[in-house]
Amino acid sequence: MVKMLEPHEFDVELQSSHEPFLVAFLKRNDRFRQQRQVLDETLARHADRLRCYLYDTDYLETAMQRFLVKGTPTFLLFSGGREVDRLIGESDGDTLDEFINNAMRD
């Protein structure tokens, strides 16, 4: 299951992790449950090479300002302590898989 990520946990993850990780910015709306399920399924397929997090909705507005996220859903991929790519908009499993594979190939 995808772990909920708070700001201090994100900073620790970013500074200490050398492995890539995906962070989803999702608002609790009518699409939240479906996008959360897509994220859980993506984690199951990529667990051997990627960690997946959901940014805690209590801190979402501040995080969106910090990372210049204009809307949700948005998915940010980090590697080596920096953002390497982002996917903007609602996503299905195939689209998210393609995004991850392309971003990690570069």
C-alpha atoms as a PDB file:
ATOM      1  CA  MET A   1       0.000   0.000   0.000  1.00  0.00           C
ATOM      2  CA  VAL A   2       1.154   3.521  -0.794  1.00  0.00           C
ATOM      3  CA  LYS A   3       2.427   5.441   2.233  1.00  0.00           C
ATOM      4  CA  MET A   4       1.077   8.880   3.140  1.00  0.00           C
ATOM      5  CA  LEU A   5       3.933  11.401   3.178  1.00  0.00           C
ATOM      6  CA  GLU A   6       4.169  14.497   5.387  1.00  0.00           C
ATOM      7  CA  PRO A   7       6.536  17.423   4.701  1.00  0.00           C
ATOM      8  CA  HIS A   8       9.273  16.422   7.160  1.00  0.00           C
ATOM      9  CA  GLU A   9       9.192  12.830   5.872  1.00  0.00           C
ATOM     10  CA  PHE A  10       9.509  14.080   2.319  1.00  0.00           C
ATOM     11  CA  ASP A  11      12.610  16.106   3.206  1.00  0.00           C
ATOM     12  CA  VAL A  12      14.217  13.099   4.895  1.00  0.00           C
ATOM     13  CA  GLU A  13      13.389  10.882   1.927  1.00  0.00           C
ATOM     14  CA  LEU A  14      14.773  13.404  -0.544  1.00  0.00           C
ATOM     15  CA  GLN A  15      18.039  13.886   1.345  1.00  0.00           C
ATOM     16  CA  SER A  16      18.719  10.285   2.307  1.00  0.00           C
ATOM     17  CA  SER A  17      17.399   8.233  -0.572  1.00  0.00           C
ATOM     18  CA  HIS A  18      19.412   7.256  -3.595  1.00  0.00           C
ATOM     19  CA  GLU A  19      16.549   5.227  -5.006  1.00  0.00           C
ATOM     20  CA  PRO A  20      13.847   6.806  -7.167  1.00  0.00           C
ATOM     21  CA  PHE A  21      10.463   7.574  -5.673  1.00  0.00           C
ATOM     22  CA  LEU A  22       7.132   8.808  -6.965  1.00  0.00           C
ATOM     23  CA  VAL A  23       5.013  11.331  -5.083  1.00  0.00           C
ATOM     24  CA  ALA A  24       1.347  11.791  -5.963  1.00  0.00           C
ATOM     25  CA  PHE A  25      -0.472  15.047  -5.295  1.00  0.00           C
ATOM     26  CA  LEU A  26      -4.170  14.136  -5.082  1.00  0.00           C
ATOM     27  CA  LYS A  27      -7.045  16.156  -3.653  1.00  0.00           C
ATOM     28  CA  ARG A  28      -9.831  14.339  -1.868  1.00  0.00           C
ATOM     29  CA  ASN A  29     -12.537  14.611  -4.480  1.00  0.00           C
ATOM     30  CA  ASP A  30     -14.681  12.240  -6.530  1.00  0.00           C
ATOM     31  CA  ARG A  31     -11.598  10.924  -8.393  1.00  0.00           C
ATOM     32  CA  PHE A  32      -9.410  10.404  -5.304  1.00  0.00           C
ATOM     33  CA  ARG A  33     -10.301   6.753  -4.693  1.00  0.00           C
ATOM     34  CA  GLN A  34      -9.741   5.773  -8.347  1.00  0.00           C
ATOM     35  CA  GLN A  35      -6.382   7.583  -8.555  1.00  0.00           C
ATOM     36  CA  ARG A  36      -5.300   6.095  -5.213  1.00  0.00           C
ATOM     37  CA  GLN A  37      -6.090   2.627  -6.568  1.00  0.00           C
ATOM     38  CA  VAL A  38      -4.021   3.326  -9.707  1.00  0.00           C
ATOM     39  CA  LEU A  39      -1.148   4.389  -7.453  1.00  0.00           C
ATOM     40  CA  ASP A  40      -1.430   1.228  -5.313  1.00  0.00           C
ATOM     41  CA  GLU A  41      -1.424  -0.961  -8.435  1.00  0.00           C
ATOM     42  CA  THR A  42       1.561   0.919  -9.841  1.00  0.00           C
ATOM     43  CA  LEU A  43       3.490   0.359  -6.624  1.00  0.00           C
ATOM     44  CA  ALA A  44       2.785  -3.371  -6.856  1.00  0.00           C
ATOM     45  CA  ARG A  45       4.221  -3.474 -10.399  1.00  0.00           C
ATOM     46  CA  HIS A  46       7.295  -1.337  -9.662  1.00  0.00           C
ATOM     47  CA  ALA A  47       8.045  -2.159  -6.005  1.00  0.00           C
ATOM     48  CA  ASP A  48      11.426  -3.651  -6.887  1.00  0.00           C
ATOM     49  CA  ARG A  49      12.725  -0.365  -8.352  1.00  0.00           C
ATOM     50  CA  LEU A  50      10.592   2.483  -7.045  1.00  0.00           C
ATOM     51  CA  ARG A  51       8.837   3.683  -3.906  1.00  0.00           C
ATOM     52  CA  CYS A  52       5.464   5.436  -4.166  1.00  0.00           C
ATOM     53  CA  TYR A  53       4.030   8.032  -1.808  1.00  0.00           C
ATOM     54  CA  LEU A  54       0.865  10.073  -1.540  1.00  0.00           C
ATOM     55  CA  TYR A  55       1.420  13.583  -0.218  1.00  0.00           C
ATOM     56  CA  ASP A  56      -0.676  14.070   2.909  1.00  0.00           C
ATOM     57  CA  THR A  57      -3.780  16.068   1.972  1.00  0.00           C
ATOM     58  CA  ASP A  58      -3.477  18.119   5.194  1.00  0.00           C
ATOM     59  CA  TYR A  59      -0.313  19.694   3.737  1.00  0.00           C
ATOM     60  CA  LEU A  60      -1.209  19.560   0.066  1.00  0.00           C
ATOM     61  CA  GLU A  61      -1.685  23.287  -0.610  1.00  0.00           C
ATOM     62  CA  THR A  62       1.697  24.190   0.886  1.00  0.00           C
ATOM     63  CA  ALA A  63       3.407  21.364  -0.988  1.00  0.00           C
ATOM     64  CA  MET A  64       1.789  22.418  -4.239  1.00  0.00           C
ATOM     65  CA  GLN A  65       3.254  25.898  -3.781  1.00  0.00           C
ATOM     66  CA  ARG A  66       6.678  24.490  -2.908  1.00  0.00           C
ATOM     67  CA  PHE A  67       6.835  22.263  -5.998  1.00  0.00           C
ATOM     68  CA  LEU A  68       4.952  24.610  -8.331  1.00  0.00           C
ATOM     69  CA  VAL A  69       2.147  22.107  -8.826  1.00  0.00           C
ATOM     70  CA  LYS A  70      -0.735  23.916 -10.508  1.00  0.00           C
ATOM     71  CA  GLY A  71      -3.407  21.245 -10.163  1.00  0.00           C
ATOM     72  CA  THR A  72      -4.193  17.721  -9.158  1.00  0.00           C
ATOM     73  CA  PRO A  73      -3.626  14.986  -9.816  1.00  0.00           C
ATOM     74  CA  THR A  74       0.092  15.509 -10.437  1.00  0.00           C
ATOM     75  CA  PHE A  75       2.800  12.880 -10.083  1.00  0.00           C
ATOM     76  CA  LEU A  76       6.426  13.878  -9.420  1.00  0.00           C
ATOM     77  CA  LEU A  77       9.318  11.456  -9.876  1.00  0.00           C
ATOM     78  CA  PHE A  78      12.460  12.080  -7.822  1.00  0.00           C
ATOM     79  CA  SER A  79      15.867  10.468  -8.145  1.00  0.00           C
ATOM     80  CA  GLY A  80      19.240  11.420  -6.730  1.00  0.00           C
ATOM     81  CA  GLY A  81      17.723  14.139  -4.561  1.00  0.00           C
ATOM     82  CA  ARG A  82      15.993  16.037  -7.363  1.00  0.00           C
ATOM     83  CA  GLU A  83      12.845  16.015  -9.452  1.00  0.00           C
ATOM     84  CA  VAL A  84      13.462  14.249 -12.748  1.00  0.00           C
ATOM     85  CA  ASP A  85       9.993  14.380 -14.312  1.00  0.00           C
ATOM     86  CA  ARG A  86       6.314  15.086 -13.682  1.00  0.00           C
ATOM     87  CA  LEU A  87       3.040  13.804 -15.025  1.00  0.00           C
ATOM     88  CA  ILE A  88       0.114  16.207 -14.891  1.00  0.00           C
ATOM     89  CA  GLY A  89      -3.488  15.084 -14.905  1.00  0.00           C
ATOM     90  CA  GLU A  90      -5.585  12.042 -14.225  1.00  0.00           C
ATOM     91  CA  SER A  91      -3.782   8.828 -15.069  1.00  0.00           C
ATOM     92  CA  ASP A  92      -4.552   5.195 -15.659  1.00  0.00           C
ATOM     93  CA  GLY A  93      -2.106   2.401 -14.887  1.00  0.00           C
ATOM     94  CA  ASP A  94      -0.693   2.160 -18.411  1.00  0.00           C
ATOM     95  CA  THR A  95      -0.003   5.893 -18.588  1.00  0.00           C
ATOM     96  CA  LEU A  96       1.664   5.911 -15.187  1.00  0.00           C
ATOM     97  CA  ASP A  97       3.767   2.860 -16.117  1.00  0.00           C
ATOM     98  CA  GLU A  98       4.893   4.530 -19.348  1.00  0.00           C
ATOM     99  CA  PHE A  99       5.747   7.726 -17.462  1.00  0.00           C
ATOM    100  CA  ILE A 100       7.851   5.829 -14.910  1.00  0.00           C
ATOM    101  CA  ASN A 101       9.612   3.691 -17.499  1.00  0.00           C
ATOM    102  CA  ASN A 102      10.473   6.688 -19.701  1.00  0.00           C
ATOM    103  CA  ALA A 103      11.659   8.837 -16.794  1.00  0.00           C
ATOM    104  CA  MET A 104      13.829   6.093 -15.328  1.00  0.00           C
ATOM    105  CA  ARG A 105      15.341   5.231 -18.696  1.00  0.00           C
ATOM    106  CA  ASP A 106      16.873   8.708 -19.101  1.00  0.00           C
END
